[in-house]
């Protein structure tokens, strides 16, 4: 469920199909996202999942899987 929501956020920001987003993909290398797009994805995550991801954590997120882990961690901290 969370992964599907994350796929939608990423696909909207990057203008790609949700099914083209896979867990092991890197935002920059595989999906071609620049820093602004990554920022937009993180803001979308915070809005859709109603969580706050610390800025230091955002800088460490390089893959879709890491973004999903950050969501899970932020949800358990609330």
PDB file of N, CA and C in Angstrom:
ATOM      1  N   UNK A   1       0.823  -1.199   0.000  1.00  0.00           N
ATOM      2  CA  UNK A   1       0.000   0.000   0.000  1.00  0.00           C
ATOM      3  C   UNK A   1       0.870   1.267   0.000  1.00  0.00           C
ATOM      4  N   UNK A   2       1.829   1.348   0.957  1.00  0.00           N
ATOM      5  CA  UNK A   2       2.718   2.501   1.017  1.00  0.00           C
ATOM      6  C   UNK A   2       3.535   2.612  -0.267  1.00  0.00           C
ATOM      7  N   UNK A   3       3.996   1.470  -0.763  1.00  0.00           N
ATOM      8  CA  UNK A   3       4.817   1.490  -1.975  1.00  0.00           C
ATOM      9  C   UNK A   3       4.028   2.044  -3.156  1.00  0.00           C
ATOM     10  N   UNK A   4       2.754   1.664  -3.270  1.00  0.00           N
ATOM     11  CA  UNK A   4       1.925   2.147  -4.373  1.00  0.00           C
ATOM     12  C   UNK A   4       1.730   3.662  -4.274  1.00  0.00           C
ATOM     13  N   UNK A   5       1.531   4.172  -3.057  1.00  0.00           N
ATOM     14  CA  UNK A   5       1.396   5.623  -2.868  1.00  0.00           C
ATOM     15  C   UNK A   5       2.696   6.321  -3.256  1.00  0.00           C
ATOM     16  N   UNK A   6       3.815   5.740  -2.848  1.00  0.00           N
ATOM     17  CA  UNK A   6       5.117   6.308  -3.169  1.00  0.00           C
ATOM     18  C   UNK A   6       5.345   6.302  -4.684  1.00  0.00           C
ATOM     19  N   UNK A   7       4.964   5.223  -5.345  1.00  0.00           N
ATOM     20  CA  UNK A   7       5.080   5.148  -6.804  1.00  0.00           C
ATOM     21  C   UNK A   7       4.304   6.293  -7.458  1.00  0.00           C
ATOM     22  N   UNK A   8       3.105   6.569  -6.956  1.00  0.00           N
ATOM     23  CA  UNK A   8       2.268   7.629  -7.522  1.00  0.00           C
ATOM     24  C   UNK A   8       2.937   9.002  -7.363  1.00  0.00           C
ATOM     25  N   UNK A   9       3.478   9.261  -6.176  1.00  0.00           N
ATOM     26  CA  UNK A   9       4.148  10.541  -5.929  1.00  0.00           C
ATOM     27  C   UNK A   9       5.322  10.710  -6.891  1.00  0.00           C
ATOM     28  N   UNK A  10       6.156   9.689  -6.981  1.00  0.00           N
ATOM     29  CA  UNK A  10       7.338   9.747  -7.843  1.00  0.00           C
ATOM     30  C   UNK A  10       6.929   9.902  -9.305  1.00  0.00           C
ATOM     31  N   UNK A  11       5.930   9.141  -9.733  1.00  0.00           N
ATOM     32  CA  UNK A  11       5.514   9.191 -11.139  1.00  0.00           C
ATOM     33  C   UNK A  11       4.931  10.553 -11.496  1.00  0.00           C
ATOM     34  N   UNK A  12       4.217  11.178 -10.569  1.00  0.00           N
ATOM     35  CA  UNK A  12       3.662  12.505 -10.843  1.00  0.00           C
ATOM     36  C   UNK A  12       4.763  13.551 -10.984  1.00  0.00           C
ATOM     37  N   UNK A  13       5.748  13.517 -10.094  1.00  0.00           N
ATOM     38  CA  UNK A  13       6.827  14.506 -10.137  1.00  0.00           C
ATOM     39  C   UNK A  13       7.697  14.309 -11.378  1.00  0.00           C
ATOM     40  N   UNK A  14       7.982  13.065 -11.715  1.00  0.00           N
ATOM     41  CA  UNK A  14       8.914  12.776 -12.812  1.00  0.00           C
ATOM     42  C   UNK A  14       8.224  12.527 -14.154  1.00  0.00           C
ATOM     43  N   UNK A  15       6.886  12.579 -14.164  1.00  0.00           N
ATOM     44  CA  UNK A  15       6.110  12.355 -15.395  1.00  0.00           C
ATOM     45  C   UNK A  15       6.437  11.018 -16.047  1.00  0.00           C
ATOM     46  N   UNK A  16       6.408   9.970 -15.220  1.00  0.00           N
ATOM     47  CA  UNK A  16       6.604   8.608 -15.718  1.00  0.00           C
ATOM     48  C   UNK A  16       5.457   7.742 -15.215  1.00  0.00           C
ATOM     49  N   UNK A  17       5.360   6.533 -15.719  1.00  0.00           N
ATOM     50  CA  UNK A  17       4.307   5.616 -15.288  1.00  0.00           C
ATOM     51  C   UNK A  17       4.654   5.042 -13.910  1.00  0.00           C
ATOM     52  N   UNK A  18       3.668   4.916 -13.011  1.00  0.00           N
ATOM     53  CA  UNK A  18       3.939   4.371 -11.674  1.00  0.00           C
ATOM     54  C   UNK A  18       4.614   3.001 -11.702  1.00  0.00           C
ATOM     55  N   UNK A  19       4.209   2.159 -12.651  1.00  0.00           N
ATOM     56  CA  UNK A  19       4.786   0.812 -12.706  1.00  0.00           C
ATOM     57  C   UNK A  19       6.246   0.817 -13.154  1.00  0.00           C
ATOM     58  N   UNK A  20       6.733   1.960 -13.637  1.00  0.00           N
ATOM     59  CA  UNK A  20       8.142   2.078 -14.015  1.00  0.00           C
ATOM     60  C   UNK A  20       9.037   2.373 -12.810  1.00  0.00           C
ATOM     61  N   UNK A  21       8.421   2.580 -11.650  1.00  0.00           N
ATOM     62  CA  UNK A  21       9.170   2.868 -10.425  1.00  0.00           C
ATOM     63  C   UNK A  21       9.309   1.577  -9.627  1.00  0.00           C
ATOM     64  N   UNK A  22      10.558   1.150  -9.399  1.00  0.00           N
ATOM     65  CA  UNK A  22      10.805  -0.079  -8.644  1.00  0.00           C
ATOM     66  C   UNK A  22      11.648   0.235  -7.415  1.00  0.00           C
ATOM     67  N   UNK A  23      11.551  -0.630  -6.421  1.00  0.00           N
ATOM     68  CA  UNK A  23      12.196  -0.432  -5.122  1.00  0.00           C
ATOM     69  C   UNK A  23      13.693  -0.161  -5.213  1.00  0.00           C
ATOM     70  N   UNK A  24      14.384  -0.889  -6.058  1.00  0.00           N
ATOM     71  CA  UNK A  24      15.855  -0.815  -6.082  1.00  0.00           C
ATOM     72  C   UNK A  24      16.373   0.394  -6.860  1.00  0.00           C
ATOM     73  N   UNK A  25      15.490   1.170  -7.452  1.00  0.00           N
ATOM     74  CA  UNK A  25      15.916   2.274  -8.310  1.00  0.00           C
ATOM     75  C   UNK A  25      16.487   3.454  -7.526  1.00  0.00           C
ATOM     76  N   UNK A  26      17.527   4.032  -8.095  1.00  0.00           N
ATOM     77  CA  UNK A  26      18.126   5.256  -7.570  1.00  0.00           C
ATOM     78  C   UNK A  26      17.370   6.442  -8.175  1.00  0.00           C
ATOM     79  N   UNK A  27      17.105   7.456  -7.346  1.00  0.00           N
ATOM     80  CA  UNK A  27      16.402   8.628  -7.864  1.00  0.00           C
ATOM     81  C   UNK A  27      17.191   9.321  -8.972  1.00  0.00           C
ATOM     82  N   UNK A  28      18.494   9.450  -8.798  1.00  0.00           N
ATOM     83  CA  UNK A  28      19.287  10.175  -9.791  1.00  0.00           C
ATOM     84  C   UNK A  28      19.746   9.281 -10.939  1.00  0.00           C
ATOM     85  N   UNK A  29      20.329   8.135 -10.621  1.00  0.00           N
ATOM     86  CA  UNK A  29      20.911   7.286 -11.665  1.00  0.00           C
ATOM     87  C   UNK A  29      19.857   6.589 -12.522  1.00  0.00           C
ATOM     88  N   UNK A  30      18.841   6.002 -11.886  1.00  0.00           N
ATOM     89  CA  UNK A  30      17.853   5.219 -12.631  1.00  0.00           C
ATOM     90  C   UNK A  30      16.649   6.037 -13.098  1.00  0.00           C
ATOM     91  N   UNK A  31      16.220   6.985 -12.258  1.00  0.00           N
ATOM     92  CA  UNK A  31      15.014   7.746 -12.582  1.00  0.00           C
ATOM     93  C   UNK A  31      15.320   9.126 -13.163  1.00  0.00           C
ATOM     94  N   UNK A  32      16.584   9.533 -13.114  1.00  0.00           N
ATOM     95  CA  UNK A  32      16.988  10.797 -13.720  1.00  0.00           C
ATOM     96  C   UNK A  32      16.492  12.044 -13.000  1.00  0.00           C
ATOM     97  N   UNK A  33      16.191  11.926 -11.708  1.00  0.00           N
ATOM     98  CA  UNK A  33      15.688  13.063 -10.948  1.00  0.00           C
ATOM     99  C   UNK A  33      16.814  14.021 -10.582  1.00  0.00           C
ATOM    100  N   UNK A  34      16.524  15.322 -10.686  1.00  0.00           N
ATOM    101  CA  UNK A  34      17.499  16.302 -10.220  1.00  0.00           C
ATOM    102  C   UNK A  34      17.149  16.680  -8.775  1.00  0.00           C
ATOM    103  N   UNK A  35      17.940  17.562  -8.185  1.00  0.00           N
ATOM    104  CA  UNK A  35      17.745  17.878  -6.765  1.00  0.00           C
ATOM    105  C   UNK A  35      16.388  18.525  -6.497  1.00  0.00           C
ATOM    106  N   UNK A  36      15.899  19.340  -7.412  1.00  0.00           N
ATOM    107  CA  UNK A  36      14.589  19.966  -7.233  1.00  0.00           C
ATOM    108  C   UNK A  36      13.484  18.911  -7.268  1.00  0.00           C
ATOM    109  N   UNK A  37      13.582  17.973  -8.183  1.00  0.00           N
ATOM    110  CA  UNK A  37      12.571  16.913  -8.276  1.00  0.00           C
ATOM    111  C   UNK A  37      12.601  16.028  -7.032  1.00  0.00           C
ATOM    112  N   UNK A  38      13.785  15.742  -6.529  1.00  0.00           N
ATOM    113  CA  UNK A  38      13.888  14.947  -5.302  1.00  0.00           C
ATOM    114  C   UNK A  38      13.236  15.702  -4.147  1.00  0.00           C
ATOM    115  N   UNK A  39      13.471  17.007  -4.067  1.00  0.00           N
ATOM    116  CA  UNK A  39      12.838  17.836  -3.044  1.00  0.00           C
ATOM    117  C   UNK A  39      11.313  17.777  -3.181  1.00  0.00           C
ATOM    118  N   UNK A  40      10.809  17.864  -4.410  1.00  0.00           N
ATOM    119  CA  UNK A  40       9.362  17.796  -4.645  1.00  0.00           C
ATOM    120  C   UNK A  40       8.802  16.429  -4.225  1.00  0.00           C
ATOM    121  N   UNK A  41       9.536  15.376  -4.484  1.00  0.00           N
ATOM    122  CA  UNK A  41       9.111  14.035  -4.077  1.00  0.00           C
ATOM    123  C   UNK A  41       9.036  13.958  -2.557  1.00  0.00           C
ATOM    124  N   UNK A  42      10.051  14.483  -1.874  1.00  0.00           N
ATOM    125  CA  UNK A  42      10.060  14.449  -0.407  1.00  0.00           C
ATOM    126  C   UNK A  42       8.912  15.266   0.175  1.00  0.00           C
ATOM    127  N   UNK A  43       8.611  16.407  -0.425  1.00  0.00           N
ATOM    128  CA  UNK A  43       7.482  17.214   0.040  1.00  0.00           C
ATOM    129  C   UNK A  43       6.166  16.468  -0.191  1.00  0.00           C
ATOM    130  N   UNK A  44       6.078  15.784  -1.329  1.00  0.00           N
ATOM    131  CA  UNK A  44       4.888  14.978  -1.617  1.00  0.00           C
ATOM    132  C   UNK A  44       4.722  13.849  -0.616  1.00  0.00           C
ATOM    133  N   UNK A  45       5.829  13.219  -0.243  1.00  0.00           N
ATOM    134  CA  UNK A  45       5.804  12.148   0.760  1.00  0.00           C
ATOM    135  C   UNK A  45       5.274  12.694   2.085  1.00  0.00           C
ATOM    136  N   UNK A  46       5.796  13.837   2.502  1.00  0.00           N
ATOM    137  CA  UNK A  46       5.365  14.412   3.780  1.00  0.00           C
ATOM    138  C   UNK A  46       3.877  14.747   3.761  1.00  0.00           C
ATOM    139  N   UNK A  47       3.395  15.245   2.622  1.00  0.00           N
ATOM    140  CA  UNK A  47       1.981  15.614   2.516  1.00  0.00           C
ATOM    141  C   UNK A  47       1.078  14.377   2.480  1.00  0.00           C
ATOM    142  N   UNK A  48       1.382  13.441   1.612  1.00  0.00           N
ATOM    143  CA  UNK A  48       0.525  12.267   1.428  1.00  0.00           C
ATOM    144  C   UNK A  48       0.526  11.353   2.656  1.00  0.00           C
ATOM    145  N   UNK A  49       1.704  11.159   3.247  1.00  0.00           N
ATOM    146  CA  UNK A  49       1.818  10.242   4.378  1.00  0.00           C
ATOM    147  C   UNK A  49       1.662  10.943   5.726  1.00  0.00           C
ATOM    148  N   UNK A  50       1.536  12.280   5.701  1.00  0.00           N
ATOM    149  CA  UNK A  50       1.384  13.083   6.912  1.00  0.00           C
ATOM    150  C   UNK A  50       2.502  12.789   7.915  1.00  0.00           C
ATOM    151  N   UNK A  51       3.731  12.877   7.421  1.00  0.00           N
ATOM    152  CA  UNK A  51       4.924  12.657   8.245  1.00  0.00           C
ATOM    153  C   UNK A  51       5.900  13.802   8.016  1.00  0.00           C
ATOM    154  N   UNK A  52       6.880  13.895   8.897  1.00  0.00           N
ATOM    155  CA  UNK A  52       7.977  14.852   8.718  1.00  0.00           C
ATOM    156  C   UNK A  52       9.267  14.055   8.635  1.00  0.00           C
ATOM    157  N   UNK A  53       9.972  14.236   7.542  1.00  0.00           N
ATOM    158  CA  UNK A  53      11.262  13.562   7.373  1.00  0.00           C
ATOM    159  C   UNK A  53      12.341  14.617   7.618  1.00  0.00           C
ATOM    160  N   UNK A  54      13.214  14.322   8.562  1.00  0.00           N
ATOM    161  CA  UNK A  54      14.260  15.270   8.934  1.00  0.00           C
ATOM    162  C   UNK A  54      15.160  15.576   7.735  1.00  0.00           C
ATOM    163  N   UNK A  55      15.603  16.832   7.653  1.00  0.00           N
ATOM    164  CA  UNK A  55      16.420  17.262   6.528  1.00  0.00           C
ATOM    165  C   UNK A  55      17.683  16.411   6.378  1.00  0.00           C
ATOM    166  N   UNK A  56      18.297  16.063   7.492  1.00  0.00           N
ATOM    167  CA  UNK A  56      19.482  15.215   7.445  1.00  0.00           C
ATOM    168  C   UNK A  56      19.186  13.849   6.837  1.00  0.00           C
ATOM    169  N   UNK A  57      17.997  13.330   7.108  1.00  0.00           N
ATOM    170  CA  UNK A  57      17.586  12.043   6.545  1.00  0.00           C
ATOM    171  C   UNK A  57      17.329  12.157   5.052  1.00  0.00           C
ATOM    172  N   UNK A  58      16.715  13.272   4.650  1.00  0.00           N
ATOM    173  CA  UNK A  58      16.406  13.468   3.230  1.00  0.00           C
ATOM    174  C   UNK A  58      17.679  13.411   2.394  1.00  0.00           C
ATOM    175  N   UNK A  59      18.743  14.013   2.903  1.00  0.00           N
ATOM    176  CA  UNK A  59      20.007  14.045   2.159  1.00  0.00           C
ATOM    177  C   UNK A  59      20.607  12.660   1.992  1.00  0.00           C
ATOM    178  N   UNK A  60      20.231  11.712   2.853  1.00  0.00           N
ATOM    179  CA  UNK A  60      20.768  10.350   2.788  1.00  0.00           C
ATOM    180  C   UNK A  60      19.967   9.439   1.857  1.00  0.00           C
ATOM    181  N   UNK A  61      18.783   9.875   1.459  1.00  0.00           N
ATOM    182  CA  UNK A  61      17.898   9.030   0.649  1.00  0.00           C
ATOM    183  C   UNK A  61      18.332   9.071  -0.810  1.00  0.00           C
ATOM    184  N   UNK A  62      18.730   7.911  -1.322  1.00  0.00           N
ATOM    185  CA  UNK A  62      19.180   7.816  -2.709  1.00  0.00           C
ATOM    186  C   UNK A  62      18.313   6.885  -3.543  1.00  0.00           C
ATOM    187  N   UNK A  63      17.610   5.949  -2.890  1.00  0.00           N
ATOM    188  CA  UNK A  63      16.812   4.974  -3.628  1.00  0.00           C
ATOM    189  C   UNK A  63      15.354   5.021  -3.183  1.00  0.00           C
ATOM    190  N   UNK A  64      14.495   4.433  -3.984  1.00  0.00           N
ATOM    191  CA  UNK A  64      13.074   4.340  -3.660  1.00  0.00           C
ATOM    192  C   UNK A  64      12.899   3.557  -2.359  1.00  0.00           C
ATOM    193  N   UNK A  65      13.652   2.502  -2.190  1.00  0.00           N
ATOM    194  CA  UNK A  65      13.565   1.691  -0.976  1.00  0.00           C
ATOM    195  C   UNK A  65      13.942   2.505   0.264  1.00  0.00           C
ATOM    196  N   UNK A  66      14.972   3.327   0.159  1.00  0.00           N
ATOM    197  CA  UNK A  66      15.370   4.163   1.288  1.00  0.00           C
ATOM    198  C   UNK A  66      14.279   5.178   1.621  1.00  0.00           C
ATOM    199  N   UNK A  67      13.595   5.694   0.605  1.00  0.00           N
ATOM    200  CA  UNK A  67      12.487   6.625   0.843  1.00  0.00           C
ATOM    201  C   UNK A  67      11.367   5.915   1.597  1.00  0.00           C
ATOM    202  N   UNK A  68      11.080   4.683   1.210  1.00  0.00           N
ATOM    203  CA  UNK A  68      10.043   3.905   1.886  1.00  0.00           C
ATOM    204  C   UNK A  68      10.435   3.630   3.336  1.00  0.00           C
ATOM    205  N   UNK A  69      11.705   3.343   3.576  1.00  0.00           N
ATOM    206  CA  UNK A  69      12.182   3.129   4.946  1.00  0.00           C
ATOM    207  C   UNK A  69      12.050   4.400   5.775  1.00  0.00           C
ATOM    208  N   UNK A  70      12.332   5.552   5.167  1.00  0.00           N
ATOM    209  CA  UNK A  70      12.213   6.830   5.874  1.00  0.00           C
ATOM    210  C   UNK A  70      10.764   7.102   6.248  1.00  0.00           C
ATOM    211  N   UNK A  71       9.842   6.746   5.372  1.00  0.00           N
ATOM    212  CA  UNK A  71       8.404   6.903   5.657  1.00  0.00           C
ATOM    213  C   UNK A  71       8.032   6.045   6.848  1.00  0.00           C
ATOM    214  N   UNK A  72       8.446   4.782   6.841  1.00  0.00           N
ATOM    215  CA  UNK A  72       8.131   3.860   7.922  1.00  0.00           C
ATOM    216  C   UNK A  72       8.701   4.363   9.252  1.00  0.00           C
ATOM    217  N   UNK A  73       9.943   4.830   9.226  1.00  0.00           N
ATOM    218  CA  UNK A  73      10.568   5.354  10.445  1.00  0.00           C
ATOM    219  C   UNK A  73       9.840   6.591  10.961  1.00  0.00           C
ATOM    220  N   UNK A  74       9.456   7.483  10.046  1.00  0.00           N
ATOM    221  CA  UNK A  74       8.756   8.708  10.457  1.00  0.00           C
ATOM    222  C   UNK A  74       7.384   8.377  11.036  1.00  0.00           C
ATOM    223  N   UNK A  75       6.726   7.347  10.502  1.00  0.00           N
ATOM    224  CA  UNK A  75       5.407   6.950  11.006  1.00  0.00           C
ATOM    225  C   UNK A  75       5.517   6.349  12.414  1.00  0.00           C
ATOM    226  N   UNK A  76       6.582   5.619  12.680  1.00  0.00           N
ATOM    227  CA  UNK A  76       6.724   4.991  13.994  1.00  0.00           C
ATOM    228  C   UNK A  76       7.150   5.991  15.055  1.00  0.00           C
ATOM    229  N   UNK A  77       7.729   7.129  14.645  1.00  0.00           N
ATOM    230  CA  UNK A  77       8.161   8.152  15.598  1.00  0.00           C
ATOM    231  C   UNK A  77       7.010   8.983  16.116  1.00  0.00           C
ATOM    232  N   UNK A  78       5.884   8.967  15.399  1.00  0.00           N
ATOM    233  CA  UNK A  78       4.733   9.796  15.814  1.00  0.00           C
ATOM    234  C   UNK A  78       3.994   9.215  16.975  1.00  0.00           C
TER     235      UNK A  78
END
